[in-house]
Amino acid sequence: MLAIITLLAQTTDTNGDSTTSTNPIVSLLPILLLVAVFYFFMIRPQRNRMRAHQDLVSNLGLGDEVETIGGLYGTIRSMDDESFILEISPGTTARFSRGAVRRKVIQPGDEEQSESAT
């Protein structure tokens, strides 16, 4: 890698002598490396998390127990395109947006069924 940078930094005069002057590509190289680092360590993982959350929300159904981003646990009693109606305790319901769901709570019986299915 260092050899490539050195070769890019060197230019040749009309006399054939090589001089070390700054090539514009070499001055842009640190910026390009910084963009690549940001992409692989910040942007790409965030896209994967967003995709996983969208898959989670699209696969939820009536009767699923979920945890909201506020830490409330509830069972989905009805849903529309924008929100869920969660039963927080028997007879108590609240309306939450689809984005407020953090995760689906796995019931002990659900784990046994999924293990036997595979």
N, C-alpha and C. Protein backbone atom coordinates (compact mmCIF):
# COMPACT_ATOMS: atom_id res chain seq x y z
N MET A 1 0.83 -1.19 0.00
CA MET A 1 0.00 0.00 0.00
C MET A 1 0.88 1.25 0.00
N LEU A 2 1.91 1.25 0.84
CA LEU A 2 2.81 2.39 0.91
C LEU A 2 3.54 2.59 -0.41
N ALA A 3 3.87 1.50 -1.08
CA ALA A 3 4.56 1.59 -2.37
C ALA A 3 3.65 2.25 -3.41
N ILE A 4 2.38 1.94 -3.38
CA ILE A 4 1.44 2.54 -4.33
C ILE A 4 1.32 4.03 -4.08
N ILE A 5 1.26 4.42 -2.82
CA ILE A 5 1.16 5.84 -2.48
C ILE A 5 2.43 6.56 -2.92
N THR A 6 3.57 5.93 -2.71
CA THR A 6 4.84 6.54 -3.12
C THR A 6 4.90 6.71 -4.63
N LEU A 7 4.45 5.69 -5.37
CA LEU A 7 4.46 5.80 -6.83
C LEU A 7 3.51 6.88 -7.32
N LEU A 8 2.36 7.02 -6.66
CA LEU A 8 1.43 8.07 -7.06
C LEU A 8 1.97 9.45 -6.76
N ALA A 9 2.75 9.55 -5.70
CA ALA A 9 3.28 10.84 -5.29
C ALA A 9 4.41 11.31 -6.19
N GLN A 10 5.09 10.39 -6.85
CA GLN A 10 6.22 10.77 -7.70
C GLN A 10 5.74 11.14 -9.10
N THR A 11 6.31 12.20 -9.61
CA THR A 11 6.03 12.59 -11.00
C THR A 11 7.36 12.66 -11.74
N THR A 12 7.30 12.60 -13.02
CA THR A 12 8.52 12.59 -13.83
C THR A 12 8.61 13.90 -14.60
N ASP A 13 9.78 14.54 -14.54
CA ASP A 13 10.02 15.76 -15.31
C ASP A 13 10.21 15.40 -16.78
N THR A 14 10.31 16.44 -17.61
CA THR A 14 10.57 16.21 -19.02
C THR A 14 11.98 15.67 -19.23
N ASN A 15 12.88 15.91 -18.26
CA ASN A 15 14.25 15.40 -18.35
C ASN A 15 14.34 13.93 -17.94
N GLY A 16 13.29 13.39 -17.38
CA GLY A 16 13.33 12.02 -16.92
C GLY A 16 13.65 11.89 -15.45
N ASP A 17 13.92 13.02 -14.78
CA ASP A 17 14.21 12.99 -13.35
C ASP A 17 12.90 12.85 -12.58
N SER A 18 12.92 12.04 -11.56
CA SER A 18 11.71 11.90 -10.74
C SER A 18 11.81 12.87 -9.57
N THR A 19 10.77 13.60 -9.35
CA THR A 19 10.70 14.52 -8.23
C THR A 19 9.51 14.13 -7.36
N THR A 20 9.56 14.50 -6.13
CA THR A 20 8.46 14.18 -5.23
C THR A 20 7.61 15.43 -5.03
N SER A 21 6.58 15.53 -5.80
CA SER A 21 5.61 16.60 -5.62
C SER A 21 4.27 15.95 -5.32
N THR A 22 3.37 16.70 -4.77
CA THR A 22 2.09 16.13 -4.34
C THR A 22 1.16 15.96 -5.52
N ASN A 23 0.71 14.77 -5.70
CA ASN A 23 -0.26 14.42 -6.73
C ASN A 23 -1.66 14.64 -6.14
N PRO A 24 -2.61 15.17 -6.88
CA PRO A 24 -3.95 15.40 -6.34
C PRO A 24 -4.63 14.12 -5.84
N ILE A 25 -4.31 13.00 -6.45
CA ILE A 25 -4.90 11.73 -6.01
C ILE A 25 -4.44 11.39 -4.60
N VAL A 26 -3.16 11.65 -4.32
CA VAL A 26 -2.62 11.35 -3.00
C VAL A 26 -3.25 12.24 -1.94
N SER A 27 -3.53 13.47 -2.27
CA SER A 27 -4.15 14.37 -1.28
C SER A 27 -5.60 13.98 -1.01
N LEU A 28 -6.28 13.33 -1.95
CA LEU A 28 -7.66 12.88 -1.75
C LEU A 28 -7.73 11.51 -1.08
N LEU A 29 -6.63 10.78 -1.06
CA LEU A 29 -6.63 9.42 -0.52
C LEU A 29 -7.07 9.36 0.94
N PRO A 30 -6.60 10.21 1.85
CA PRO A 30 -7.07 10.14 3.24
C PRO A 30 -8.58 10.39 3.37
N ILE A 31 -9.10 11.28 2.57
CA ILE A 31 -10.53 11.56 2.61
C ILE A 31 -11.33 10.35 2.12
N LEU A 32 -10.86 9.71 1.06
CA LEU A 32 -11.53 8.52 0.55
C LEU A 32 -11.48 7.38 1.56
N LEU A 33 -10.35 7.22 2.24
CA LEU A 33 -10.25 6.20 3.27
C LEU A 33 -11.19 6.49 4.44
N LEU A 34 -11.32 7.75 4.80
CA LEU A 34 -12.22 8.14 5.89
C LEU A 34 -13.67 7.85 5.52
N VAL A 35 -14.05 8.13 4.28
CA VAL A 35 -15.41 7.83 3.82
C VAL A 35 -15.66 6.33 3.85
N ALA A 36 -14.68 5.54 3.44
CA ALA A 36 -14.83 4.08 3.46
C ALA A 36 -14.99 3.57 4.88
N VAL A 37 -14.23 4.12 5.82
CA VAL A 37 -14.35 3.70 7.22
C VAL A 37 -15.73 4.05 7.76
N PHE A 38 -16.21 5.25 7.50
CA PHE A 38 -17.55 5.63 7.95
C PHE A 38 -18.61 4.72 7.36
N TYR A 39 -18.46 4.37 6.12
CA TYR A 39 -19.46 3.51 5.48
C TYR A 39 -19.51 2.15 6.15
N PHE A 40 -18.36 1.52 6.34
CA PHE A 40 -18.35 0.15 6.85
C PHE A 40 -18.61 0.07 8.35
N PHE A 41 -18.32 1.11 9.10
CA PHE A 41 -18.52 1.04 10.55
C PHE A 41 -19.77 1.76 11.04
N MET A 42 -20.37 2.62 10.21
CA MET A 42 -21.54 3.35 10.69
C MET A 42 -22.76 3.19 9.78
N ILE A 43 -22.62 3.46 8.52
CA ILE A 43 -23.77 3.49 7.61
C ILE A 43 -24.30 2.09 7.34
N ARG A 44 -23.43 1.17 7.01
CA ARG A 44 -23.86 -0.19 6.67
C ARG A 44 -24.53 -0.91 7.84
N PRO A 45 -23.95 -0.88 9.06
CA PRO A 45 -24.65 -1.53 10.18
C PRO A 45 -26.01 -0.89 10.49
N GLN A 46 -26.11 0.42 10.34
CA GLN A 46 -27.39 1.09 10.59
C GLN A 46 -28.44 0.64 9.59
N ARG A 47 -28.06 0.48 8.34
CA ARG A 47 -29.00 -0.02 7.33
C ARG A 47 -29.46 -1.43 7.67
N ASN A 48 -28.54 -2.26 8.14
CA ASN A 48 -28.90 -3.63 8.52
C ASN A 48 -29.87 -3.63 9.70
N ARG A 49 -29.65 -2.75 10.69
CA ARG A 49 -30.57 -2.65 11.83
C ARG A 49 -31.94 -2.17 11.39
N MET A 50 -31.98 -1.20 10.49
CA MET A 50 -33.27 -0.71 9.99
C MET A 50 -34.02 -1.80 9.23
N ARG A 51 -33.31 -2.56 8.41
CA ARG A 51 -33.92 -3.64 7.66
C ARG A 51 -34.45 -4.72 8.61
N ALA A 52 -33.70 -5.04 9.65
CA ALA A 52 -34.14 -6.05 10.62
C ALA A 52 -35.38 -5.57 11.37
N HIS A 53 -35.44 -4.29 11.72
CA HIS A 53 -36.61 -3.75 12.42
C HIS A 53 -37.83 -3.75 11.51
N GLN A 54 -37.65 -3.41 10.24
CA GLN A 54 -38.77 -3.44 9.30
C GLN A 54 -39.30 -4.86 9.12
N ASP A 55 -38.40 -5.84 9.08
CA ASP A 55 -38.82 -7.24 8.98
C ASP A 55 -39.58 -7.66 10.23
N LEU A 56 -39.10 -7.24 11.40
CA LEU A 56 -39.78 -7.56 12.66
C LEU A 56 -41.19 -7.01 12.67
N VAL A 57 -41.35 -5.74 12.34
CA VAL A 57 -42.66 -5.10 12.38
C VAL A 57 -43.60 -5.70 11.34
N SER A 58 -43.08 -6.04 10.18
CA SER A 58 -43.95 -6.60 9.15
C SER A 58 -44.40 -8.02 9.48
N ASN A 59 -43.65 -8.74 10.32
CA ASN A 59 -44.00 -10.11 10.66
C ASN A 59 -44.81 -10.23 11.95
N LEU A 60 -45.12 -9.12 12.59
CA LEU A 60 -45.92 -9.18 13.81
C LEU A 60 -47.38 -9.44 13.48
N GLY A 61 -48.06 -10.13 14.37
CA GLY A 61 -49.48 -10.43 14.16
C GLY A 61 -50.26 -10.30 15.44
N LEU A 62 -51.56 -10.48 15.35
CA LEU A 62 -52.42 -10.41 16.52
C LEU A 62 -52.01 -11.48 17.53
N GLY A 63 -51.99 -11.10 18.79
CA GLY A 63 -51.65 -12.04 19.85
C GLY A 63 -50.17 -12.11 20.18
N ASP A 64 -49.32 -11.47 19.40
CA ASP A 64 -47.89 -11.47 19.70
C ASP A 64 -47.61 -10.54 20.87
N GLU A 65 -46.72 -10.98 21.75
CA GLU A 65 -46.31 -10.13 22.87
C GLU A 65 -45.06 -9.39 22.45
N VAL A 66 -45.05 -8.07 22.67
CA VAL A 66 -43.93 -7.23 22.24
C VAL A 66 -43.48 -6.33 23.39
N GLU A 67 -42.26 -5.82 23.23
CA GLU A 67 -41.73 -4.81 24.14
C GLU A 67 -41.57 -3.52 23.34
N THR A 68 -42.01 -2.41 23.90
CA THR A 68 -41.88 -1.12 23.22
C THR A 68 -40.54 -0.48 23.58
N ILE A 69 -40.17 0.57 22.87
CA ILE A 69 -38.92 1.26 23.17
C ILE A 69 -38.97 1.94 24.52
N GLY A 70 -40.17 2.15 25.06
CA GLY A 70 -40.32 2.71 26.40
C GLY A 70 -40.25 1.68 27.50
N GLY A 71 -40.14 0.39 27.14
CA GLY A 71 -40.02 -0.67 28.13
C GLY A 71 -41.34 -1.29 28.54
N LEU A 72 -42.43 -0.94 27.90
CA LEU A 72 -43.72 -1.54 28.21
C LEU A 72 -43.90 -2.84 27.45
N TYR A 73 -44.44 -3.83 28.14
CA TYR A 73 -44.76 -5.11 27.52
C TYR A 73 -46.25 -5.17 27.29
N GLY A 74 -46.64 -5.69 26.15
CA GLY A 74 -48.05 -5.81 25.86
C GLY A 74 -48.31 -6.81 24.76
N THR A 75 -49.59 -7.16 24.62
CA THR A 75 -50.01 -8.10 23.60
C THR A 75 -50.77 -7.34 22.53
N ILE A 76 -50.47 -7.60 21.28
CA ILE A 76 -51.12 -6.90 20.18
C ILE A 76 -52.57 -7.39 20.08
N ARG A 77 -53.50 -6.45 20.19
CA ARG A 77 -54.92 -6.79 20.08
C ARG A 77 -55.52 -6.36 18.74
N SER A 78 -55.00 -5.29 18.16
CA SER A 78 -55.41 -4.89 16.81
C SER A 78 -54.29 -4.06 16.21
N MET A 79 -54.32 -3.95 14.90
CA MET A 79 -53.27 -3.21 14.21
C MET A 79 -53.80 -2.63 12.92
N ASP A 80 -53.20 -1.51 12.53
CA ASP A 80 -53.49 -0.93 11.22
C ASP A 80 -52.16 -0.57 10.58
N ASP A 81 -52.19 0.23 9.52
CA ASP A 81 -50.96 0.54 8.79
C ASP A 81 -49.96 1.36 9.60
N GLU A 82 -50.44 2.14 10.56
CA GLU A 82 -49.57 3.06 11.27
C GLU A 82 -49.36 2.73 12.74
N SER A 83 -50.25 1.94 13.35
CA SER A 83 -50.14 1.75 14.79
C SER A 83 -50.64 0.37 15.23
N PHE A 84 -50.35 0.07 16.49
CA PHE A 84 -50.81 -1.13 17.16
C PHE A 84 -51.65 -0.73 18.37
N ILE A 85 -52.62 -1.53 18.70
CA ILE A 85 -53.31 -1.41 19.98
C ILE A 85 -52.78 -2.54 20.84
N LEU A 86 -52.08 -2.17 21.93
CA LEU A 86 -51.50 -3.17 22.82
C LEU A 86 -52.31 -3.27 24.09
N GLU A 87 -52.53 -4.50 24.54
CA GLU A 87 -53.15 -4.72 25.83
C GLU A 87 -52.02 -4.85 26.84
N ILE A 88 -51.91 -3.82 27.69
CA ILE A 88 -50.81 -3.75 28.65
C ILE A 88 -51.11 -4.63 29.86
N SER A 89 -52.34 -4.57 30.33
CA SER A 89 -52.81 -5.45 31.40
C SER A 89 -54.25 -5.80 31.06
N PRO A 90 -54.84 -6.80 31.70
CA PRO A 90 -56.21 -7.18 31.34
C PRO A 90 -57.17 -5.98 31.41
N GLY A 91 -57.76 -5.67 30.28
CA GLY A 91 -58.70 -4.56 30.20
C GLY A 91 -58.09 -3.20 29.94
N THR A 92 -56.78 -3.09 29.92
CA THR A 92 -56.11 -1.80 29.68
C THR A 92 -55.38 -1.86 28.35
N THR A 93 -55.76 -0.98 27.43
CA THR A 93 -55.11 -0.95 26.12
C THR A 93 -54.49 0.42 25.88
N ALA A 94 -53.50 0.45 25.03
CA ALA A 94 -52.84 1.70 24.64
C ALA A 94 -52.47 1.59 23.17
N ARG A 95 -52.41 2.72 22.52
CA ARG A 95 -52.07 2.77 21.10
C ARG A 95 -50.62 3.20 20.94
N PHE A 96 -49.86 2.46 20.15
CA PHE A 96 -48.44 2.75 19.91
C PHE A 96 -48.19 2.74 18.41
N SER A 97 -47.24 3.56 17.98
CA SER A 97 -46.87 3.55 16.57
C SER A 97 -46.05 2.30 16.27
N ARG A 98 -46.00 1.93 15.02
CA ARG A 98 -45.26 0.73 14.63
C ARG A 98 -43.78 0.85 14.94
N GLY A 99 -43.24 2.04 14.86
CA GLY A 99 -41.82 2.24 15.15
C GLY A 99 -41.47 2.12 16.61
N ALA A 100 -42.47 2.10 17.48
CA ALA A 100 -42.22 2.02 18.92
C ALA A 100 -41.95 0.60 19.40
N VAL A 101 -42.08 -0.38 18.54
CA VAL A 101 -41.84 -1.77 18.93
C VAL A 101 -40.34 -2.03 18.90
N ARG A 102 -39.79 -2.46 20.03
CA ARG A 102 -38.36 -2.78 20.11
C ARG A 102 -38.10 -4.21 19.69
N ARG A 103 -38.88 -5.13 20.27
CA ARG A 103 -38.64 -6.54 19.97
C ARG A 103 -39.88 -7.35 20.27
N LYS A 104 -39.91 -8.54 19.71
CA LYS A 104 -40.97 -9.49 19.99
C LYS A 104 -40.51 -10.36 21.15
N VAL A 105 -41.37 -10.53 22.15
CA VAL A 105 -41.03 -11.33 23.31
C VAL A 105 -41.30 -12.79 22.96
N ILE A 106 -40.29 -13.61 23.12
CA ILE A 106 -40.40 -15.04 22.82
C ILE A 106 -40.95 -15.75 24.05
N GLN A 107 -42.03 -16.44 23.88
CA GLN A 107 -42.64 -17.21 24.96
C GLN A 107 -41.91 -18.54 25.08
N PRO A 108 -41.84 -19.13 26.29
CA PRO A 108 -41.17 -20.42 26.44
C PRO A 108 -41.75 -21.51 25.54
N GLY A 109 -43.05 -21.51 25.33
CA GLY A 109 -43.67 -22.49 24.43
C GLY A 109 -43.28 -22.27 22.98
N ASP A 110 -43.04 -21.01 22.60
CA ASP A 110 -42.65 -20.70 21.22
C ASP A 110 -41.25 -21.24 20.93
N GLU A 111 -40.34 -21.18 21.90
CA GLU A 111 -38.99 -21.69 21.69
C GLU A 111 -39.00 -23.19 21.43
N GLU A 112 -39.81 -23.93 22.22
CA GLU A 112 -39.87 -25.37 22.06
C GLU A 112 -40.45 -25.74 20.70
N GLN A 113 -41.47 -25.00 20.24
CA GLN A 113 -42.08 -25.29 18.95
C GLN A 113 -41.12 -24.99 17.81
N SER A 114 -40.37 -23.88 17.91
CA SER A 114 -39.44 -23.54 16.84
C SER A 114 -38.27 -24.51 16.80
N GLU A 115 -37.81 -25.03 17.95
CA GLU A 115 -36.73 -25.99 17.96
C GLU A 115 -37.17 -27.32 17.37
N SER A 116 -38.42 -27.75 17.67
CA SER A 116 -38.89 -29.02 17.14
C SER A 116 -39.19 -28.94 15.65
N ALA A 117 -39.46 -27.74 15.14
CA ALA A 117 -39.76 -27.56 13.72
C ALA A 117 -38.50 -27.65 12.85
N THR A 118 -37.34 -27.36 13.45
CA THR A 118 -36.11 -27.40 12.64
C THR A 118 -35.44 -28.73 12.65
